[in-house]
Amino acid sequence: MRSLPAGRSSPSPSQKGKNDRRGFHHLSGRGVFLSKPLIFPPVKISAVGTYVPERVMTNDELSLSLDTSDEWISSRSGIRERHIAENGQAASDMGAIAARRALAAAEASPGDIDLIIVASLSPDMIFPPTASFISGAIGANGTPAFDLSAACTGFIYALAAGSSFIASGQAERVLVVGAEAVSKMIDWADRSTAVLFGDGAGAVLLEPASGEGEGIIGFDLGNDPEGADLLDLPAGGSRLPASRETIENRLHFLKMNGREVFKFATRIIVSSARKVLAEHGLRVEDVDLFVPHQANIRIIDTAARKLGIPPERVFSNLERYGNTSCASIPLCLDEAAAAGRLGGGSLALMVGFGAGLSWGSCLARFDELKRAT
């Protein structure tokens, strides 16, 4: 970790609410923008690596134990199959593979990394952080590493945090990992959640950008605590420690009010996307690729329609992976790069949403996104 360079200090009280050198723009508690051109140096997403478990669970397999069918699941969610971690395979195991692949794509070694940030809805344990296990697995001993908890929005939050470390001069290369073993937290007798989620991991490398046609432009981040009870895992923390009652009531599994989350998601994706675009003088028409969190195809289609983004500029792989939470956006970035849809200064709009209820948007230009082959 690099120390803060001489001459840089925290903003004075009179500067609060204004753009400072680190590029933060505080808007009366209604979100945070990381503003262009005030990021110094500009930060880019230079490389990506991903991993999904070998085991594939189809909708037809789920219909053997649940009152459901492939048609029922796919018509309501857009999902036809998902990858499921093996017994004993944890989020850190998958995250470490994705991290190694991202480093290989960048031709970087673990010793080149100044910081590791891991976003996960399904960490290995409450503590120590999953980032510690990943850093050890990839041989990054001594490198600062921490977890960031923002549910399915976690990857966007981690991008914002990592970018800030680079922009402030405290780091030069930051590894951001989204790693999920959500299947370990699912009640497989609950049709409303069992059909939606899958496992996987994605990692990206952040580093200073060298050209004007690449780099992160800005973020919109926010949270609505009034919806905190709409998507949660009730037991196992300090509020409801594990007990006979919590186990009998199946409170150690993910719970979701699907109808309310759908309404929140279709509203917040649109407002957050419009806000970050307007803040940076851009229009929806400028977006080359829309990469939303892969939760439900109806959410994606509704948000894209409201924004006026045509289907050919929307990226989705939900059909094959399901909702992989913090891994969903990096999985999309990897496949989009492989398909030649990111590069040459293309503008990508990434939007996440999840428990909290949290949300986050990121605008970034890509000259080239290196990926493992």
Protein backbone atom coordinates (compact mmCIF):
# COMPACT_ATOMS: atom_id res chain seq x y z
CA MET A 1 0.00 0.00 0.00
CA ARG A 2 1.35 3.37 -0.97
CA SER A 3 1.33 6.31 1.43
CA LEU A 4 -0.60 9.44 0.51
CA PRO A 5 1.69 11.67 -1.56
CA ALA A 6 2.93 14.93 -0.06
CA GLY A 7 0.75 17.89 -0.80
CA ARG A 8 -2.50 15.94 -0.69
CA SER A 9 -4.78 16.32 2.27
CA SER A 10 -8.38 15.78 3.19
CA PRO A 11 -10.80 18.51 2.07
CA SER A 12 -11.46 21.29 4.53
CA PRO A 13 -14.98 21.77 5.91
CA SER A 14 -15.50 24.58 3.40
CA GLN A 15 -14.81 22.15 0.59
CA LYS A 16 -17.39 19.59 1.68
CA GLY A 17 -20.11 19.17 -0.92
CA LYS A 18 -17.74 20.20 -3.71
CA ASN A 19 -15.57 18.18 -6.02
CA ASP A 20 -12.12 17.70 -4.49
CA ARG A 21 -8.97 16.26 -6.03
CA ARG A 22 -10.04 12.74 -5.31
CA GLY A 23 -13.14 13.30 -7.38
CA PHE A 24 -15.90 12.76 -4.82
CA HIS A 25 -19.06 14.78 -5.19
CA HIS A 26 -21.41 14.55 -2.22
CA LEU A 27 -25.05 15.27 -3.01
CA SER A 28 -26.99 15.90 0.20
CA GLY A 29 -26.85 12.28 1.23
CA ARG A 30 -28.59 11.11 -1.94
CA GLY A 31 -25.62 9.37 -3.54
CA VAL A 32 -21.96 9.80 -4.28
CA PHE A 33 -20.46 10.61 -7.66
CA LEU A 34 -16.86 9.99 -8.65
CA SER A 35 -16.47 12.73 -11.21
CA LYS A 36 -14.52 13.13 -14.42
CA PRO A 37 -12.05 14.71 -15.02
CA LEU A 38 -11.32 15.02 -11.32
CA ILE A 39 -10.01 11.49 -10.82
CA PHE A 40 -6.25 11.91 -10.80
CA PRO A 41 -4.80 9.79 -12.16
CA PRO A 42 -7.68 8.34 -14.23
CA VAL A 43 -8.37 4.70 -13.40
CA LYS A 44 -9.16 1.91 -15.83
CA ILE A 45 -10.43 -1.65 -15.65
CA SER A 46 -7.54 -3.30 -17.46
CA ALA A 47 -8.07 -7.05 -17.13
CA VAL A 48 -10.71 -9.58 -16.14
CA GLY A 49 -10.75 -13.22 -15.08
CA THR A 50 -13.71 -15.44 -14.23
CA TYR A 51 -14.62 -18.87 -12.98
CA VAL A 52 -17.81 -20.92 -12.66
CA PRO A 53 -18.10 -24.41 -11.10
CA GLU A 54 -18.29 -27.38 -13.41
CA ARG A 55 -21.61 -28.66 -12.13
CA VAL A 56 -24.60 -27.32 -14.06
CA MET A 57 -28.09 -27.51 -12.59
CA THR A 58 -30.89 -27.18 -15.15
CA ASN A 59 -34.47 -26.13 -14.57
CA ASP A 60 -35.55 -29.66 -15.37
CA GLU A 61 -33.39 -30.96 -12.52
CA LEU A 62 -34.98 -28.47 -10.13
CA SER A 63 -38.43 -29.62 -11.22
CA LEU A 64 -37.65 -33.08 -9.81
CA SER A 65 -37.73 -31.71 -6.25
CA LEU A 66 -39.83 -28.56 -6.57
CA ASP A 67 -43.31 -27.85 -7.88
CA THR A 68 -41.98 -26.07 -10.96
CA SER A 69 -40.95 -26.56 -14.58
CA ASP A 70 -38.48 -25.22 -17.09
CA GLU A 71 -41.24 -23.15 -18.68
CA TRP A 72 -42.37 -21.68 -15.35
CA ILE A 73 -38.83 -20.68 -14.31
CA SER A 74 -37.60 -19.39 -17.67
CA SER A 75 -40.76 -17.38 -18.42
CA ARG A 76 -40.59 -15.60 -15.06
CA SER A 77 -36.84 -15.14 -14.68
CA GLY A 78 -35.10 -15.84 -18.00
CA ILE A 79 -32.95 -18.50 -16.31
CA ARG A 80 -32.55 -21.99 -17.79
CA GLU A 81 -29.53 -23.27 -15.85
CA ARG A 82 -27.00 -22.25 -13.22
CA HIS A 83 -23.60 -23.44 -12.01
CA ILE A 84 -23.46 -24.90 -8.49
CA ALA A 85 -20.39 -25.18 -6.27
CA GLU A 86 -19.36 -28.61 -5.10
CA ASN A 87 -19.48 -29.64 -1.45
CA GLY A 88 -16.51 -28.04 0.27
CA GLN A 89 -16.01 -25.47 -2.50
CA ALA A 90 -16.23 -21.99 -0.99
CA ALA A 91 -16.43 -18.46 -2.38
CA SER A 92 -12.70 -17.94 -1.83
CA ASP A 93 -11.83 -21.05 -3.86
CA MET A 94 -13.67 -19.68 -6.87
CA GLY A 95 -12.49 -16.12 -6.27
CA ALA A 96 -8.86 -17.23 -6.18
CA ILE A 97 -9.17 -18.91 -9.59
CA ALA A 98 -10.78 -15.80 -11.08
CA ALA A 99 -8.08 -13.61 -9.49
CA ARG A 100 -5.27 -15.74 -10.93
CA ARG A 101 -6.86 -15.54 -14.38
CA ALA A 102 -7.19 -11.75 -14.18
CA LEU A 103 -3.52 -11.45 -13.18
CA ALA A 104 -2.51 -13.79 -16.01
CA ALA A 105 -4.50 -11.70 -18.49
CA ALA A 106 -2.67 -8.57 -17.30
CA GLU A 107 0.69 -10.38 -17.26
CA ALA A 108 0.99 -9.32 -13.62
CA SER A 109 2.17 -11.20 -10.55
CA PRO A 110 0.63 -11.22 -7.06
CA GLY A 111 3.52 -9.05 -5.92
CA ASP A 112 2.38 -6.29 -8.27
CA ILE A 113 -0.91 -5.86 -6.40
CA ASP A 114 -1.21 -3.11 -3.78
CA LEU A 115 -4.68 -3.99 -2.49
CA ILE A 116 -7.30 -6.73 -2.75
CA ILE A 117 -11.01 -5.98 -2.26
CA VAL A 118 -13.52 -8.82 -2.22
CA ALA A 119 -17.28 -8.32 -2.57
CA SER A 120 -19.45 -11.25 -1.59
CA LEU A 121 -22.96 -12.05 -0.43
CA SER A 122 -21.74 -15.51 0.61
CA PRO A 123 -18.32 -15.15 2.30
CA ASP A 124 -16.48 -18.19 3.56
CA MET A 125 -17.06 -17.04 7.15
CA ILE A 126 -18.21 -13.95 9.02
CA PHE A 127 -14.50 -13.54 9.81
CA PRO A 128 -11.70 -13.67 8.88
CA PRO A 129 -12.42 -11.89 5.60
CA THR A 130 -12.70 -13.94 2.43
CA ALA A 131 -10.12 -11.55 0.96
CA SER A 132 -7.57 -13.01 3.36
CA PHE A 133 -8.16 -16.53 2.03
CA ILE A 134 -7.94 -15.32 -1.56
CA SER A 135 -4.74 -13.37 -0.95
CA GLY A 136 -3.16 -16.46 0.57
CA ALA A 137 -4.34 -18.71 -2.25
CA ILE A 138 -2.81 -16.50 -4.94
CA GLY A 139 0.42 -15.87 -3.05
CA ALA A 140 -0.19 -12.21 -2.21
CA ASN A 141 1.07 -12.50 1.35
CA GLY A 142 1.48 -9.13 3.03
CA THR A 143 -0.86 -7.35 0.61
CA PRO A 144 -3.72 -5.42 2.28
CA ALA A 145 -6.98 -7.27 1.74
CA PHE A 146 -10.51 -6.69 2.97
CA ASP A 147 -14.12 -7.64 2.30
CA LEU A 148 -16.82 -5.20 1.26
CA SER A 149 -20.45 -6.03 2.04
CA ALA A 150 -23.11 -4.45 -0.17
CA ALA A 151 -24.95 -7.59 -1.30
CA CYS A 152 -25.47 -7.78 -5.08
CA THR A 153 -24.30 -4.17 -5.48
CA GLY A 154 -20.99 -5.12 -3.90
CA PHE A 155 -18.97 -5.33 -7.11
CA ILE A 156 -19.85 -1.74 -8.09
CA TYR A 157 -19.07 -0.51 -4.57
CA ALA A 158 -15.75 -2.37 -4.68
CA LEU A 159 -14.90 -0.73 -8.02
CA ALA A 160 -15.59 2.67 -6.45
CA ALA A 161 -13.47 1.88 -3.40
CA GLY A 162 -10.58 0.50 -5.43
CA SER A 163 -10.67 3.46 -7.81
CA SER A 164 -10.50 5.84 -4.87
CA PHE A 165 -7.38 4.16 -3.48
CA ILE A 166 -5.67 4.63 -6.85
CA ALA A 167 -6.98 8.17 -7.38
CA SER A 168 -5.70 9.22 -3.95
CA GLY A 169 -2.25 7.79 -4.68
CA GLN A 170 -2.45 5.11 -1.99
CA ALA A 171 -2.36 2.25 -4.50
CA GLU A 172 -1.38 1.71 -8.11
CA ARG A 173 -2.91 -1.69 -8.82
CA VAL A 174 -6.04 -2.94 -7.07
CA LEU A 175 -7.57 -6.38 -7.53
CA VAL A 176 -11.36 -6.38 -7.17
CA VAL A 177 -13.03 -9.77 -6.79
CA GLY A 178 -16.70 -10.72 -6.75
CA ALA A 179 -17.00 -14.30 -5.46
CA GLU A 180 -20.19 -16.16 -4.66
CA ALA A 181 -21.32 -19.55 -3.36
CA VAL A 182 -24.93 -18.44 -2.92
CA SER A 183 -26.16 -22.02 -3.33
CA LYS A 184 -24.88 -22.68 0.21
CA MET A 185 -27.35 -20.10 1.55
CA ILE A 186 -30.42 -21.19 -0.41
CA ASP A 187 -33.41 -23.05 1.01
CA TRP A 188 -33.80 -25.65 -1.70
CA ALA A 189 -37.39 -26.22 -0.61
CA ASP A 190 -38.28 -22.57 -1.31
CA ARG A 191 -39.28 -22.26 -4.96
CA SER A 192 -39.22 -18.46 -4.84
CA THR A 193 -35.45 -18.33 -4.29
CA ALA A 194 -34.06 -21.77 -5.18
CA VAL A 195 -34.61 -21.25 -8.90
CA LEU A 196 -32.89 -17.86 -9.11
CA PHE A 197 -29.31 -18.12 -7.90
CA GLY A 198 -26.05 -19.61 -9.09
CA ASP A 199 -22.39 -19.65 -8.10
CA GLY A 200 -19.27 -18.18 -9.67
CA ALA A 201 -16.58 -15.54 -9.43
CA GLY A 202 -15.12 -12.67 -11.40
CA ALA A 203 -12.07 -10.50 -10.81
CA VAL A 204 -10.83 -7.31 -12.43
CA LEU A 205 -7.60 -5.39 -12.18
CA LEU A 206 -7.75 -1.63 -11.66
CA GLU A 207 -4.77 0.54 -12.54
CA PRO A 208 -4.00 4.06 -13.82
CA ALA A 209 -5.24 4.75 -17.35
CA SER A 210 -2.75 5.91 -19.93
CA GLY A 211 -5.06 7.32 -22.60
CA GLU A 212 -8.13 9.54 -22.89
CA GLY A 213 -10.17 6.82 -24.57
CA GLU A 214 -10.27 4.60 -21.51
CA GLY A 215 -11.02 4.72 -17.83
CA ILE A 216 -13.75 4.98 -15.25
CA ILE A 217 -15.80 8.14 -15.68
CA GLY A 218 -17.96 8.12 -12.56
CA PHE A 219 -20.22 6.37 -10.08
CA ASP A 220 -23.63 6.81 -8.53
CA LEU A 221 -23.98 4.98 -5.22
CA GLY A 222 -26.91 4.88 -2.84
CA ASN A 223 -28.90 2.96 -0.25
CA ASP A 224 -32.50 2.91 0.99
CA PRO A 225 -32.57 1.39 4.52
CA GLU A 226 -36.38 1.34 4.55
CA GLY A 227 -36.20 -1.73 2.33
CA ALA A 228 -33.63 -3.60 4.40
CA ASP A 229 -36.10 -6.32 5.36
CA LEU A 230 -37.10 -7.10 1.78
CA LEU A 231 -33.99 -9.17 1.03
CA ASP A 232 -31.95 -10.66 3.84
CA LEU A 233 -30.51 -13.66 5.61
CA PRO A 234 -32.09 -13.18 9.05
CA ALA A 235 -30.06 -15.39 11.38
CA GLY A 236 -26.43 -16.08 12.15
CA GLY A 237 -25.41 -12.53 13.07
CA SER A 238 -25.49 -10.65 16.35
CA ARG A 239 -29.21 -9.82 16.06
CA LEU A 240 -30.35 -13.43 15.73
CA PRO A 241 -27.51 -15.74 16.79
CA ALA A 242 -27.82 -19.38 15.83
CA SER A 243 -30.25 -21.22 18.05
CA ARG A 244 -32.60 -24.16 17.91
CA GLU A 245 -35.42 -21.75 17.05
CA THR A 246 -33.58 -20.06 14.16
CA ILE A 247 -32.71 -23.45 12.70
CA GLU A 248 -36.24 -24.83 13.04
CA ASN A 249 -37.64 -21.68 11.39
CA ARG A 250 -35.12 -21.93 8.56
CA LEU A 251 -33.81 -18.42 9.24
CA HIS A 252 -30.28 -19.23 8.08
CA PHE A 253 -31.41 -19.16 4.46
CA LEU A 254 -31.84 -16.23 2.09
CA LYS A 255 -35.29 -14.62 2.22
CA MET A 256 -36.72 -12.28 -0.41
CA ASN A 257 -39.90 -10.34 -1.11
CA GLY A 258 -39.68 -10.76 -4.85
CA ARG A 259 -42.51 -8.43 -5.81
CA GLU A 260 -41.13 -5.47 -3.84
CA VAL A 261 -37.55 -6.08 -4.94
CA PHE A 262 -38.72 -6.12 -8.56
CA LYS A 263 -40.45 -2.74 -8.13
CA PHE A 264 -37.37 -1.28 -6.46
CA ALA A 265 -34.97 -2.62 -9.08
CA THR A 266 -36.89 -1.42 -12.13
CA ARG A 267 -37.15 2.05 -10.59
CA ILE A 268 -33.63 2.45 -9.21
CA ILE A 269 -31.76 1.11 -12.25
CA VAL A 270 -33.41 3.78 -14.39
CA SER A 271 -32.94 6.68 -11.97
CA SER A 272 -29.34 5.78 -11.09
CA ALA A 273 -28.36 5.32 -14.74
CA ARG A 274 -29.92 8.63 -15.74
CA LYS A 275 -28.25 10.40 -12.81
CA VAL A 276 -24.72 9.22 -13.52
CA LEU A 277 -25.08 9.95 -17.25
CA ALA A 278 -26.41 13.46 -16.63
CA GLU A 279 -23.71 14.20 -14.07
CA HIS A 280 -21.08 13.63 -16.74
CA GLY A 281 -22.81 15.29 -19.66
CA LEU A 282 -23.69 12.04 -21.42
CA ARG A 283 -26.89 10.65 -22.87
CA VAL A 284 -28.39 7.18 -23.04
CA GLU A 285 -27.62 7.26 -26.78
CA ASP A 286 -23.91 7.48 -25.94
CA VAL A 287 -23.93 4.11 -24.16
CA ASP A 288 -22.46 1.33 -26.30
CA LEU A 289 -23.13 -1.48 -23.83
CA PHE A 290 -25.55 -1.67 -20.91
CA VAL A 291 -24.39 -4.24 -18.33
CA PRO A 292 -26.96 -4.61 -15.55
CA HIS A 293 -26.77 -6.96 -12.59
CA GLN A 294 -28.15 -10.28 -13.79
CA ALA A 295 -31.04 -10.89 -11.42
CA ASN A 296 -34.12 -11.37 -13.60
CA ILE A 297 -34.67 -10.89 -17.32
CA ARG A 298 -37.93 -9.03 -16.70
CA ILE A 299 -36.05 -6.50 -14.56
CA ILE A 300 -33.40 -6.11 -17.25
CA ASP A 301 -35.91 -5.77 -20.09
CA THR A 302 -38.12 -3.33 -18.18
CA ALA A 303 -35.19 -1.11 -17.17
CA ALA A 304 -33.72 -1.09 -20.68
CA ARG A 305 -37.09 -0.22 -22.18
CA LYS A 306 -37.62 2.66 -19.73
CA LEU A 307 -34.13 3.97 -20.46
CA GLY A 308 -34.61 3.64 -24.20
CA ILE A 309 -31.69 1.24 -24.69
CA PRO A 310 -32.29 -1.15 -27.62
CA PRO A 311 -31.83 -4.90 -27.04
CA GLU A 312 -28.67 -5.06 -29.16
CA ARG A 313 -26.91 -2.78 -26.67
CA VAL A 314 -27.93 -4.79 -23.60
CA PHE A 315 -25.67 -7.58 -22.37
CA SER A 316 -27.16 -10.56 -20.57
CA ASN A 317 -25.95 -14.08 -19.82
CA LEU A 318 -28.58 -14.72 -17.15
CA GLU A 319 -29.97 -17.69 -19.05
CA ARG A 320 -26.81 -19.75 -18.39
CA TYR A 321 -25.74 -18.55 -14.94
CA GLY A 322 -28.72 -17.28 -12.97
CA ASN A 323 -28.17 -14.58 -10.37
CA THR A 324 -24.52 -14.83 -9.28
CA SER A 325 -24.75 -11.71 -7.11
CA CYS A 326 -21.37 -9.92 -6.93
CA ALA A 327 -19.98 -12.12 -9.72
CA SER A 328 -22.65 -11.27 -12.29
CA ILE A 329 -21.20 -8.05 -13.72
CA PRO A 330 -17.60 -9.29 -14.08
CA LEU A 331 -18.92 -12.46 -15.72
CA CYS A 332 -20.70 -10.22 -18.22
CA LEU A 333 -17.61 -8.07 -18.78
CA ASP A 334 -15.52 -11.16 -19.54
CA GLU A 335 -17.99 -12.52 -22.08
CA ALA A 336 -18.55 -9.09 -23.63
CA ALA A 337 -14.80 -8.68 -24.11
CA ALA A 338 -14.58 -12.15 -25.65
CA ALA A 339 -17.34 -11.19 -28.08
CA GLY A 340 -15.52 -8.00 -29.09
CA ARG A 341 -18.14 -5.73 -27.54
CA LEU A 342 -15.76 -3.81 -25.26
CA GLY A 343 -12.89 -1.85 -26.78
CA GLY A 344 -11.93 1.05 -28.99
CA GLY A 345 -13.22 3.60 -26.49
CA SER A 346 -16.65 1.99 -26.09
CA LEU A 347 -18.78 3.34 -23.25
CA ALA A 348 -20.20 0.80 -20.81
CA LEU A 349 -22.89 1.49 -18.24
CA MET A 350 -22.82 -1.01 -15.37
CA VAL A 351 -25.64 -0.99 -12.82
CA GLY A 352 -26.02 -3.10 -9.69
CA PHE A 353 -28.74 -3.35 -7.04
CA GLY A 354 -29.38 -5.55 -4.06
CA ALA A 355 -30.05 -5.94 -0.36
CA GLY A 356 -29.90 -2.85 1.75
CA LEU A 357 -31.62 -1.84 -0.43
CA SER A 358 -28.50 -0.68 -2.22
CA TRP A 359 -27.69 0.43 -5.73
CA GLY A 360 -24.70 1.53 -7.76
CA SER A 361 -23.91 2.62 -11.31
CA CYS A 362 -20.52 2.88 -12.98
CA LEU A 363 -19.66 4.53 -16.29
CA ALA A 364 -16.42 3.41 -17.92
CA ARG A 365 -14.72 3.58 -21.30
CA PHE A 366 -12.77 0.59 -22.54
CA ASP A 367 -9.91 0.79 -25.00
CA GLU A 368 -9.08 -2.85 -24.33
CA LEU A 369 -10.15 -5.28 -21.63
CA LYS A 370 -7.60 -8.05 -21.38
CA ARG A 371 -8.90 -11.47 -20.50
CA ALA A 372 -7.51 -14.92 -19.85
CA THR A 373 -7.65 -17.26 -22.84
